[in-house]
Amino acid sequence: MDTPNLRVAVPLQDHPRGSSVSALERRAREAGGPIDNACYSCACGLVFAAAVSTTVNCPHCGADQAW
């Protein structure tokens, strides 16, 4: 019987030196990962940054923003 290839997640600090984790990836993980923000431009004229979502409202006028 064939078993699927299983991989075990290893915490970042346990990776051996010379592993496939790059310095940039390590810094991004240590900083909490990427920040998924987008810049939105509302019809009222306000341009603002908010988390990427399908339900973003303008903080000035409350209008729904298209995604």
Protein backbone atom coordinates (compact mmCIF):
# COMPACT_ATOMS: atom_id res chain seq x y z
CA MET A 1 0.00 0.00 0.00
CA ASP A 2 1.37 3.40 -1.00
CA THR A 3 1.44 6.14 1.58
CA PRO A 4 1.44 9.81 0.60
CA ASN A 5 4.57 11.86 1.08
CA LEU A 6 4.10 13.66 4.36
CA ARG A 7 6.07 16.72 5.39
CA VAL A 8 6.56 17.86 8.93
CA ALA A 9 6.51 21.59 9.61
CA VAL A 10 9.61 22.71 11.48
CA PRO A 11 9.55 25.99 13.42
CA LEU A 12 11.77 28.63 11.86
CA GLN A 13 14.30 28.68 14.70
CA ASP A 14 14.81 24.92 14.31
CA HIS A 15 15.88 25.10 10.65
CA PRO A 16 19.50 24.09 10.22
CA ARG A 17 21.95 26.58 8.79
CA GLY A 18 22.10 26.47 5.02
CA SER A 19 18.47 25.45 4.75
CA SER A 20 16.25 26.59 1.91
CA VAL A 21 14.80 29.47 3.99
CA SER A 22 16.27 32.69 2.61
CA ALA A 23 17.28 35.63 4.76
CA LEU A 24 14.43 37.71 3.30
CA GLU A 25 11.87 35.02 4.06
CA ARG A 26 13.24 34.64 7.58
CA ARG A 27 12.98 38.41 8.21
CA ALA A 28 9.41 38.47 6.84
CA ARG A 29 8.40 35.62 9.15
CA GLU A 30 10.07 37.22 12.16
CA ALA A 31 8.22 40.47 11.43
CA GLY A 32 4.87 38.69 11.47
CA GLY A 33 4.52 37.94 7.77
CA PRO A 34 3.31 40.07 4.91
CA ILE A 35 0.76 42.81 5.45
CA ASP A 36 -2.08 42.44 3.00
CA ASN A 37 -3.17 46.05 2.53
CA ALA A 38 -4.49 47.74 -0.57
CA CYS A 39 -4.92 51.35 -1.60
CA TYR A 40 -8.54 52.30 -2.28
CA SER A 41 -9.83 55.42 -4.02
CA CYS A 42 -13.40 56.39 -3.13
CA ALA A 43 -15.81 58.45 -5.24
CA CYS A 44 -15.89 61.02 -2.39
CA GLY A 45 -12.22 61.77 -3.15
CA LEU A 46 -10.62 60.00 -0.21
CA VAL A 47 -7.69 57.70 -0.96
CA PHE A 48 -6.98 55.31 1.91
CA ALA A 49 -5.21 52.06 2.74
CA ALA A 50 -7.13 49.17 4.25
CA ALA A 51 -6.82 45.43 4.66
CA VAL A 52 -7.53 43.45 1.50
CA SER A 53 -11.12 42.25 1.77
CA THR A 54 -14.30 41.88 -0.23
CA THR A 55 -16.09 44.19 2.22
CA VAL A 56 -14.23 47.50 2.50
CA ASN A 57 -16.06 50.72 3.32
CA CYS A 58 -14.73 54.23 2.96
CA PRO A 59 -13.86 55.60 6.42
CA HIS A 60 -15.01 59.08 5.30
CA CYS A 61 -18.43 58.48 3.69
CA GLY A 62 -19.04 54.77 4.33
CA ALA A 63 -19.46 53.81 0.65
CA ASP A 64 -18.71 50.22 -0.34
CA GLN A 65 -15.51 49.83 -2.31
CA ALA A 66 -15.33 47.56 -5.34
CA TRP A 67 -12.81 44.77 -5.18
